[in-house]
Amino acid sequence: MTASALPASAAHSSSEVRRARSDPAYAAFLVLRIGFTVLPIVFGLDKFTNVLTKWEVYLAPWIVDMSPISAHQVMLVVGVIEIVAGIAVAIKPRYAAYIVAAWLAGIIINLLSYPGFYDIALRDFGLLLAALTLGRLAFVYDPAWRRRTRRDTDYPAA
């Protein structure tokens, strides 16, 4: 079966694979995009189930003291934010990668603000660098949203 005989989505997928095989930077972009889409969604969903870990343990006591809601409720809000961040990376990594990087910076500050989780803060710093890398690669491989101007919509093409 040739690429032209495949459904449009399958042909698009095979061209993505060919491009990733021939362009290592594009392959890195795809791996980072998939990773920063799937993993935040998985971790965000787990905030509701605590299957992977008990997430409240990672929340700095000063944040719990400042919050009007319980540690568990804070982590539910965190879960929603992570799910939205993963979806945003799937839609537009050019912009969302920097939002994820900022989110990771907040997590790092949380983890460094009390003892016991410095190793996880260091790991999250590596993830922050990867998110910044995704943002730079997306500058090349994910086109910018073009702002429509009045001139684009008011006049028919000649």
N, C-alpha and C. Protein backbone atom coordinates (compact mmCIF):
# COMPACT_ATOMS: atom_id res chain seq x y z
N MET A 1 0.85 -1.17 0.00
CA MET A 1 0.00 0.00 0.00
C MET A 1 0.89 1.23 0.00
N THR A 2 0.68 2.12 -0.92
CA THR A 2 1.49 3.33 -1.01
C THR A 2 0.96 4.39 -0.07
N ALA A 3 1.81 5.40 0.18
CA ALA A 3 1.40 6.48 1.06
C ALA A 3 0.16 7.19 0.52
N SER A 4 0.05 7.30 -0.82
CA SER A 4 -1.11 7.99 -1.39
C SER A 4 -2.39 7.17 -1.22
N ALA A 5 -2.28 5.86 -1.03
CA ALA A 5 -3.45 5.02 -0.85
C ALA A 5 -3.87 4.93 0.62
N LEU A 6 -3.03 5.42 1.52
CA LEU A 6 -3.35 5.40 2.94
C LEU A 6 -4.33 6.51 3.30
N PRO A 7 -5.08 6.34 4.37
CA PRO A 7 -5.90 7.46 4.85
C PRO A 7 -4.99 8.65 5.16
N ALA A 8 -5.54 9.85 5.13
CA ALA A 8 -4.75 11.07 5.31
C ALA A 8 -3.97 11.04 6.62
N SER A 9 -4.59 10.58 7.72
CA SER A 9 -3.89 10.58 9.00
C SER A 9 -2.72 9.59 8.99
N ALA A 10 -2.89 8.45 8.35
CA ALA A 10 -1.81 7.46 8.28
C ALA A 10 -0.67 7.98 7.40
N ALA A 11 -1.02 8.62 6.29
CA ALA A 11 0.02 9.18 5.42
C ALA A 11 0.78 10.27 6.15
N HIS A 12 0.06 11.09 6.91
CA HIS A 12 0.70 12.14 7.70
C HIS A 12 1.63 11.54 8.74
N SER A 13 1.19 10.46 9.41
CA SER A 13 2.01 9.80 10.42
C SER A 13 3.28 9.21 9.81
N SER A 14 3.15 8.59 8.64
CA SER A 14 4.34 8.01 8.02
C SER A 14 5.30 9.09 7.57
N SER A 15 4.80 10.24 7.13
CA SER A 15 5.71 11.33 6.77
C SER A 15 6.39 11.91 8.00
N GLU A 16 5.69 11.92 9.14
CA GLU A 16 6.30 12.37 10.40
C GLU A 16 7.44 11.44 10.79
N VAL A 17 7.23 10.14 10.65
CA VAL A 17 8.26 9.17 10.99
C VAL A 17 9.46 9.32 10.06
N ARG A 18 9.20 9.47 8.77
CA ARG A 18 10.32 9.67 7.82
C ARG A 18 11.10 10.93 8.15
N ARG A 19 10.37 11.98 8.47
CA ARG A 19 11.05 13.24 8.80
C ARG A 19 11.87 13.09 10.08
N ALA A 20 11.32 12.40 11.07
CA ALA A 20 12.04 12.20 12.33
C ALA A 20 13.30 11.36 12.12
N ARG A 21 13.23 10.40 11.20
CA ARG A 21 14.41 9.57 10.92
C ARG A 21 15.51 10.36 10.23
N SER A 22 15.13 11.34 9.42
CA SER A 22 16.14 12.09 8.67
C SER A 22 16.58 13.38 9.36
N ASP A 23 15.81 13.85 10.33
CA ASP A 23 16.12 15.11 11.01
C ASP A 23 16.14 14.87 12.52
N PRO A 24 17.33 14.70 13.10
CA PRO A 24 17.42 14.40 14.54
C PRO A 24 16.79 15.48 15.42
N ALA A 25 16.88 16.74 15.03
CA ALA A 25 16.27 17.80 15.83
C ALA A 25 14.75 17.68 15.82
N TYR A 26 14.18 17.31 14.68
CA TYR A 26 12.73 17.10 14.61
C TYR A 26 12.33 15.89 15.46
N ALA A 27 13.15 14.85 15.45
CA ALA A 27 12.87 13.68 16.29
C ALA A 27 12.87 14.08 17.76
N ALA A 28 13.84 14.92 18.16
CA ALA A 28 13.89 15.38 19.55
C ALA A 28 12.64 16.21 19.87
N PHE A 29 12.22 17.05 18.93
CA PHE A 29 11.00 17.83 19.12
C PHE A 29 9.80 16.92 19.35
N LEU A 30 9.66 15.88 18.53
CA LEU A 30 8.53 14.96 18.68
C LEU A 30 8.56 14.23 20.01
N VAL A 31 9.73 13.73 20.40
CA VAL A 31 9.85 13.00 21.68
C VAL A 31 9.48 13.92 22.84
N LEU A 32 10.01 15.14 22.84
CA LEU A 32 9.70 16.08 23.92
C LEU A 32 8.22 16.48 23.90
N ARG A 33 7.66 16.68 22.72
CA ARG A 33 6.25 17.04 22.62
C ARG A 33 5.36 15.92 23.15
N ILE A 34 5.65 14.71 22.76
CA ILE A 34 4.86 13.57 23.25
C ILE A 34 5.03 13.43 24.77
N GLY A 35 6.27 13.51 25.23
CA GLY A 35 6.53 13.38 26.66
C GLY A 35 5.83 14.45 27.49
N PHE A 36 5.92 15.71 27.05
CA PHE A 36 5.31 16.80 27.81
C PHE A 36 3.81 16.93 27.55
N THR A 37 3.27 16.07 26.70
CA THR A 37 1.82 15.94 26.56
C THR A 37 1.32 14.83 27.48
N VAL A 38 1.89 13.65 27.33
CA VAL A 38 1.39 12.46 28.03
C VAL A 38 1.66 12.52 29.54
N LEU A 39 2.90 12.83 29.91
CA LEU A 39 3.26 12.74 31.33
C LEU A 39 2.51 13.72 32.23
N PRO A 40 2.37 15.00 31.86
CA PRO A 40 1.55 15.87 32.73
C PRO A 40 0.11 15.40 32.85
N ILE A 41 -0.44 14.86 31.78
CA ILE A 41 -1.81 14.36 31.86
C ILE A 41 -1.88 13.16 32.80
N VAL A 42 -0.94 12.24 32.68
CA VAL A 42 -0.92 11.06 33.57
C VAL A 42 -0.73 11.49 35.02
N PHE A 43 0.25 12.37 35.27
CA PHE A 43 0.49 12.81 36.65
C PHE A 43 -0.68 13.62 37.17
N GLY A 44 -1.29 14.43 36.31
CA GLY A 44 -2.46 15.20 36.72
C GLY A 44 -3.62 14.31 37.11
N LEU A 45 -3.87 13.28 36.30
CA LEU A 45 -4.94 12.33 36.63
C LEU A 45 -4.64 11.59 37.93
N ASP A 46 -3.35 11.29 38.16
CA ASP A 46 -2.99 10.56 39.37
C ASP A 46 -3.18 11.40 40.63
N LYS A 47 -3.23 12.72 40.50
CA LYS A 47 -3.52 13.56 41.68
C LYS A 47 -4.90 13.22 42.24
N PHE A 48 -5.78 12.67 41.40
CA PHE A 48 -7.12 12.32 41.84
C PHE A 48 -7.20 10.90 42.41
N THR A 49 -6.21 10.07 42.11
CA THR A 49 -6.26 8.67 42.53
C THR A 49 -5.15 8.28 43.50
N ASN A 50 -4.03 8.99 43.47
CA ASN A 50 -2.86 8.68 44.31
C ASN A 50 -2.38 7.24 44.12
N VAL A 51 -2.42 6.74 42.90
CA VAL A 51 -1.93 5.40 42.61
C VAL A 51 -0.40 5.39 42.59
N LEU A 52 0.21 6.38 41.95
CA LEU A 52 1.67 6.42 41.83
C LEU A 52 2.35 6.78 43.15
N THR A 53 1.76 7.72 43.86
CA THR A 53 2.31 8.16 45.15
C THR A 53 1.27 8.99 45.87
N LYS A 54 1.54 9.30 47.10
CA LYS A 54 0.67 10.21 47.86
C LYS A 54 1.22 11.62 47.65
N TRP A 55 0.63 12.36 46.74
CA TRP A 55 1.16 13.63 46.26
C TRP A 55 1.23 14.71 47.33
N GLU A 56 0.36 14.66 48.31
CA GLU A 56 0.33 15.70 49.33
C GLU A 56 1.65 15.80 50.09
N VAL A 57 2.41 14.70 50.13
CA VAL A 57 3.70 14.67 50.83
C VAL A 57 4.67 15.67 50.22
N TYR A 58 4.54 15.93 48.93
CA TYR A 58 5.46 16.82 48.22
C TYR A 58 5.10 18.29 48.35
N LEU A 59 4.02 18.60 48.99
CA LEU A 59 3.57 19.98 49.12
C LEU A 59 4.20 20.61 50.36
N ALA A 60 4.90 21.71 50.16
CA ALA A 60 5.58 22.39 51.27
C ALA A 60 4.57 22.79 52.34
N PRO A 61 4.95 22.60 53.61
CA PRO A 61 4.03 22.96 54.71
C PRO A 61 3.59 24.43 54.68
N TRP A 62 4.48 25.33 54.25
CA TRP A 62 4.11 26.75 54.23
C TRP A 62 3.02 27.02 53.20
N ILE A 63 2.97 26.21 52.15
CA ILE A 63 1.91 26.38 51.15
C ILE A 63 0.58 25.91 51.73
N VAL A 64 0.62 24.79 52.44
CA VAL A 64 -0.60 24.28 53.09
C VAL A 64 -1.09 25.29 54.12
N ASP A 65 -0.16 25.88 54.88
CA ASP A 65 -0.55 26.87 55.90
C ASP A 65 -1.18 28.11 55.28
N MET A 66 -0.70 28.52 54.11
CA MET A 66 -1.23 29.72 53.44
C MET A 66 -2.55 29.45 52.73
N SER A 67 -2.79 28.22 52.36
CA SER A 67 -3.94 27.89 51.53
C SER A 67 -5.23 27.81 52.35
N PRO A 68 -6.31 28.33 51.79
CA PRO A 68 -7.60 28.20 52.48
C PRO A 68 -8.23 26.82 52.32
N ILE A 69 -7.60 25.97 51.50
CA ILE A 69 -8.12 24.62 51.28
C ILE A 69 -7.10 23.60 51.78
N SER A 70 -7.52 22.36 51.89
CA SER A 70 -6.64 21.30 52.40
C SER A 70 -5.55 20.95 51.40
N ALA A 71 -4.53 20.25 51.88
CA ALA A 71 -3.43 19.80 51.01
C ALA A 71 -3.98 18.93 49.88
N HIS A 72 -4.91 18.06 50.19
CA HIS A 72 -5.50 17.20 49.16
C HIS A 72 -6.20 18.04 48.09
N GLN A 73 -6.94 19.04 48.51
CA GLN A 73 -7.65 19.89 47.56
C GLN A 73 -6.66 20.71 46.71
N VAL A 74 -5.57 21.15 47.33
CA VAL A 74 -4.53 21.85 46.57
C VAL A 74 -4.00 20.93 45.47
N MET A 75 -3.75 19.68 45.82
CA MET A 75 -3.21 18.75 44.84
C MET A 75 -4.22 18.44 43.73
N LEU A 76 -5.50 18.49 44.04
CA LEU A 76 -6.51 18.33 42.99
C LEU A 76 -6.45 19.49 42.01
N VAL A 77 -6.27 20.70 42.53
CA VAL A 77 -6.11 21.88 41.66
C VAL A 77 -4.85 21.71 40.81
N VAL A 78 -3.76 21.26 41.44
CA VAL A 78 -2.51 21.00 40.72
C VAL A 78 -2.76 19.99 39.60
N GLY A 79 -3.52 18.94 39.89
CA GLY A 79 -3.82 17.92 38.89
C GLY A 79 -4.54 18.50 37.68
N VAL A 80 -5.51 19.37 37.92
CA VAL A 80 -6.24 20.00 36.81
C VAL A 80 -5.28 20.85 35.98
N ILE A 81 -4.43 21.62 36.66
CA ILE A 81 -3.46 22.47 35.95
C ILE A 81 -2.53 21.61 35.09
N GLU A 82 -2.08 20.49 35.62
CA GLU A 82 -1.17 19.62 34.87
C GLU A 82 -1.87 19.01 33.66
N ILE A 83 -3.12 18.62 33.81
CA ILE A 83 -3.87 18.07 32.67
C ILE A 83 -4.01 19.14 31.58
N VAL A 84 -4.37 20.34 31.97
CA VAL A 84 -4.51 21.44 31.01
C VAL A 84 -3.16 21.73 30.34
N ALA A 85 -2.08 21.70 31.11
CA ALA A 85 -0.75 21.95 30.54
C ALA A 85 -0.39 20.89 29.50
N GLY A 86 -0.68 19.63 29.78
CA GLY A 86 -0.42 18.56 28.82
C GLY A 86 -1.22 18.74 27.54
N ILE A 87 -2.47 19.11 27.67
CA ILE A 87 -3.31 19.34 26.49
C ILE A 87 -2.78 20.54 25.71
N ALA A 88 -2.36 21.58 26.42
CA ALA A 88 -1.82 22.77 25.75
C ALA A 88 -0.55 22.44 24.95
N VAL A 89 0.31 21.59 25.51
CA VAL A 89 1.52 21.19 24.78
C VAL A 89 1.13 20.42 23.52
N ALA A 90 0.12 19.57 23.63
CA ALA A 90 -0.32 18.83 22.45
C ALA A 90 -0.82 19.77 21.36
N ILE A 91 -1.51 20.83 21.76
CA ILE A 91 -2.10 21.76 20.79
C ILE A 91 -1.06 22.73 20.24
N LYS A 92 -0.28 23.35 21.10
CA LYS A 92 0.63 24.41 20.65
C LYS A 92 1.89 24.44 21.53
N PRO A 93 2.82 23.53 21.27
CA PRO A 93 4.04 23.48 22.10
C PRO A 93 4.89 24.74 22.01
N ARG A 94 4.75 25.48 20.94
CA ARG A 94 5.54 26.71 20.77
C ARG A 94 5.34 27.65 21.96
N TYR A 95 4.14 27.71 22.50
CA TYR A 95 3.83 28.58 23.62
C TYR A 95 3.73 27.81 24.93
N ALA A 96 3.10 26.64 24.89
CA ALA A 96 2.83 25.89 26.11
C ALA A 96 4.10 25.36 26.78
N ALA A 97 5.15 25.13 26.03
CA ALA A 97 6.40 24.63 26.63
C ALA A 97 6.92 25.61 27.67
N TYR A 98 6.76 26.91 27.43
CA TYR A 98 7.23 27.91 28.38
C TYR A 98 6.33 27.98 29.61
N ILE A 99 5.06 27.71 29.43
CA ILE A 99 4.14 27.63 30.57
C ILE A 99 4.52 26.44 31.45
N VAL A 100 4.82 25.31 30.82
CA VAL A 100 5.25 24.12 31.56
C VAL A 100 6.57 24.40 32.29
N ALA A 101 7.49 25.10 31.64
CA ALA A 101 8.76 25.44 32.28
C ALA A 101 8.53 26.31 33.51
N ALA A 102 7.63 27.28 33.40
CA ALA A 102 7.31 28.13 34.56
C ALA A 102 6.67 27.31 35.67
N TRP A 103 5.80 26.40 35.31
CA TRP A 103 5.16 25.52 36.29
C TRP A 103 6.21 24.68 37.01
N LEU A 104 7.16 24.13 36.25
CA LEU A 104 8.23 23.33 36.86
C LEU A 104 9.09 24.20 37.78
N ALA A 105 9.32 25.46 37.42
CA ALA A 105 10.07 26.36 38.30
C ALA A 105 9.34 26.52 39.63
N GLY A 106 8.03 26.64 39.58
CA GLY A 106 7.24 26.72 40.82
C GLY A 106 7.35 25.46 41.65
N ILE A 107 7.33 24.32 41.00
CA ILE A 107 7.48 23.05 41.70
C ILE A 107 8.85 22.97 42.35
N ILE A 108 9.88 23.41 41.64
CA ILE A 108 11.24 23.38 42.19
C ILE A 108 11.34 24.28 43.42
N ILE A 109 10.76 25.47 43.36
CA ILE A 109 10.77 26.36 44.52
C ILE A 109 10.08 25.68 45.70
N ASN A 110 8.93 25.07 45.43
CA ASN A 110 8.22 24.32 46.48
C ASN A 110 9.12 23.26 47.10
N LEU A 111 9.80 22.47 46.27
CA LEU A 111 10.61 21.37 46.77
C LEU A 111 11.88 21.83 47.49
N LEU A 112 12.43 22.96 47.08
CA LEU A 112 13.64 23.48 47.73
C LEU A 112 13.34 24.24 49.02
N SER A 113 12.07 24.54 49.26
CA SER A 113 11.72 25.37 50.41
C SER A 113 11.64 24.60 51.72
N TYR A 114 11.81 23.29 51.66
CA TYR A 114 11.87 22.50 52.89
C TYR A 114 12.69 21.25 52.61
N PRO A 115 13.33 20.67 53.63
CA PRO A 115 14.28 19.56 53.40
C PRO A 115 13.59 18.25 53.03
N GLY A 116 14.37 17.43 52.32
CA GLY A 116 13.93 16.08 52.04
C GLY A 116 13.65 15.78 50.59
N PHE A 117 13.53 16.80 49.75
CA PHE A 117 13.16 16.56 48.36
C PHE A 117 14.10 17.25 47.37
N TYR A 118 15.34 17.48 47.78
CA TYR A 118 16.30 18.16 46.91
C TYR A 118 16.60 17.33 45.66
N ASP A 119 16.62 16.01 45.81
CA ASP A 119 16.89 15.16 44.64
C ASP A 119 15.77 15.28 43.60
N ILE A 120 14.55 15.40 44.06
CA ILE A 120 13.43 15.54 43.13
C ILE A 120 13.44 16.93 42.50
N ALA A 121 13.86 17.93 43.27
CA ALA A 121 14.00 19.28 42.72
C ALA A 121 15.05 19.29 41.61
N LEU A 122 16.14 18.57 41.80
CA LEU A 122 17.17 18.49 40.77
C LEU A 122 16.64 17.80 39.53
N ARG A 123 15.90 16.73 39.70
CA ARG A 123 15.28 16.05 38.55
C ARG A 123 14.33 16.99 37.82
N ASP A 124 13.54 17.74 38.59
CA ASP A 124 12.59 18.67 37.97
C ASP A 124 13.31 19.82 37.27
N PHE A 125 14.50 20.17 37.75
CA PHE A 125 15.30 21.17 37.03
C PHE A 125 15.69 20.63 35.65
N GLY A 126 16.03 19.36 35.58
CA GLY A 126 16.31 18.73 34.28
C GLY A 126 15.09 18.76 33.39
N LEU A 127 13.92 18.52 33.95
CA LEU A 127 12.68 18.60 33.17
C LEU A 127 12.41 20.03 32.70
N LEU A 128 12.72 21.02 33.56
CA LEU A 128 12.57 22.41 33.17
C LEU A 128 13.45 22.72 31.96
N LEU A 129 14.70 22.24 31.99
CA LEU A 129 15.59 22.45 30.84
C LEU A 129 15.04 21.77 29.59
N ALA A 130 14.45 20.59 29.75
CA ALA A 130 13.85 19.89 28.61
C ALA A 130 12.65 20.67 28.07
N ALA A 131 11.84 21.26 28.95
CA ALA A 131 10.69 22.06 28.51
C ALA A 131 11.16 23.30 27.74
N LEU A 132 12.23 23.93 28.22
CA LEU A 132 12.79 25.08 27.49
C LEU A 132 13.32 24.65 26.13
N THR A 133 13.92 23.47 26.08
CA THR A 133 14.41 22.94 24.81
C THR A 133 13.25 22.68 23.85
N LEU A 134 12.17 22.13 24.37
CA LEU A 134 10.97 21.93 23.54
C LEU A 134 10.49 23.26 22.98
N GLY A 135 10.48 24.29 23.81
CA GLY A 135 10.05 25.60 23.34
C GLY A 135 10.93 26.13 22.22
N ARG A 136 12.24 25.95 22.34
CA ARG A 136 13.15 26.41 21.28
C ARG A 136 12.97 25.60 20.00
N LEU A 137 12.83 24.28 20.14
CA LEU A 137 12.61 23.44 18.97
C LEU A 137 11.26 23.76 18.32
N ALA A 138 10.26 24.04 19.15
CA ALA A 138 8.94 24.38 18.61
C ALA A 138 8.98 25.68 17.82
N PHE A 139 9.92 26.56 18.15
CA PHE A 139 10.08 27.79 17.38
C PHE A 139 10.38 27.46 15.92
N VAL A 140 11.06 26.34 15.70
CA VAL A 140 11.41 25.91 14.34
C VAL A 140 10.31 25.03 13.74
N TYR A 141 9.77 24.10 14.53
CA TYR A 141 8.90 23.05 13.99
C TYR A 141 7.40 23.25 14.22
N ASP A 142 7.02 24.23 15.02
CA ASP A 142 5.60 24.49 15.27
C ASP A 142 5.31 25.93 14.85
N PRO A 143 4.57 26.13 13.77
CA PRO A 143 4.38 27.49 13.28
C PRO A 143 3.63 28.37 14.28
N ALA A 144 3.95 29.65 14.25
CA ALA A 144 3.28 30.60 15.14
C ALA A 144 1.83 30.75 14.73
N TRP A 145 1.00 31.08 15.72
CA TRP A 145 -0.37 31.43 15.39
C TRP A 145 -0.32 32.78 14.71
N ARG A 146 -0.96 32.84 13.59
CA ARG A 146 -0.97 34.08 12.83
C ARG A 146 -2.19 34.88 13.24
N ARG A 147 -1.95 36.09 13.63
CA ARG A 147 -3.05 36.96 14.03
C ARG A 147 -3.74 37.48 12.78
N ARG A 148 -5.04 37.29 12.75
CA ARG A 148 -5.81 37.77 11.60
C ARG A 148 -5.98 39.28 11.73
N THR A 149 -5.75 39.95 10.66
CA THR A 149 -5.96 41.40 10.64
C THR A 149 -7.23 41.71 9.89
N ARG A 150 -7.68 42.89 10.05
CA ARG A 150 -8.92 43.30 9.37
C ARG A 150 -8.74 43.19 7.85
N ARG A 151 -7.56 43.53 7.40
CA ARG A 151 -7.30 43.48 5.97
C ARG A 151 -7.40 42.04 5.45
N ASP A 152 -7.02 41.04 6.26
CA ASP A 152 -7.12 39.64 5.85
C ASP A 152 -8.57 39.21 5.63
N THR A 153 -9.49 39.78 6.38
CA THR A 153 -10.87 39.30 6.35
C THR A 153 -11.81 40.18 5.56
N ASP A 154 -11.45 41.45 5.34
CA ASP A 154 -12.38 42.39 4.69
C ASP A 154 -12.33 42.34 3.17
N TYR A 155 -11.20 42.01 2.61
CA TYR A 155 -11.06 42.10 1.18
C TYR A 155 -10.91 40.72 0.56
N PRO A 156 -11.72 40.43 -0.45
CA PRO A 156 -11.56 39.13 -1.11
C PRO A 156 -10.25 39.09 -1.90
N ALA A 157 -9.75 37.91 -2.08
CA ALA A 157 -8.50 37.75 -2.83
C ALA A 157 -8.74 38.15 -4.28
N ALA A 158 -7.74 38.77 -4.88
CA ALA A 158 -7.88 39.24 -6.27
C ALA A 158 -7.75 38.12 -7.24
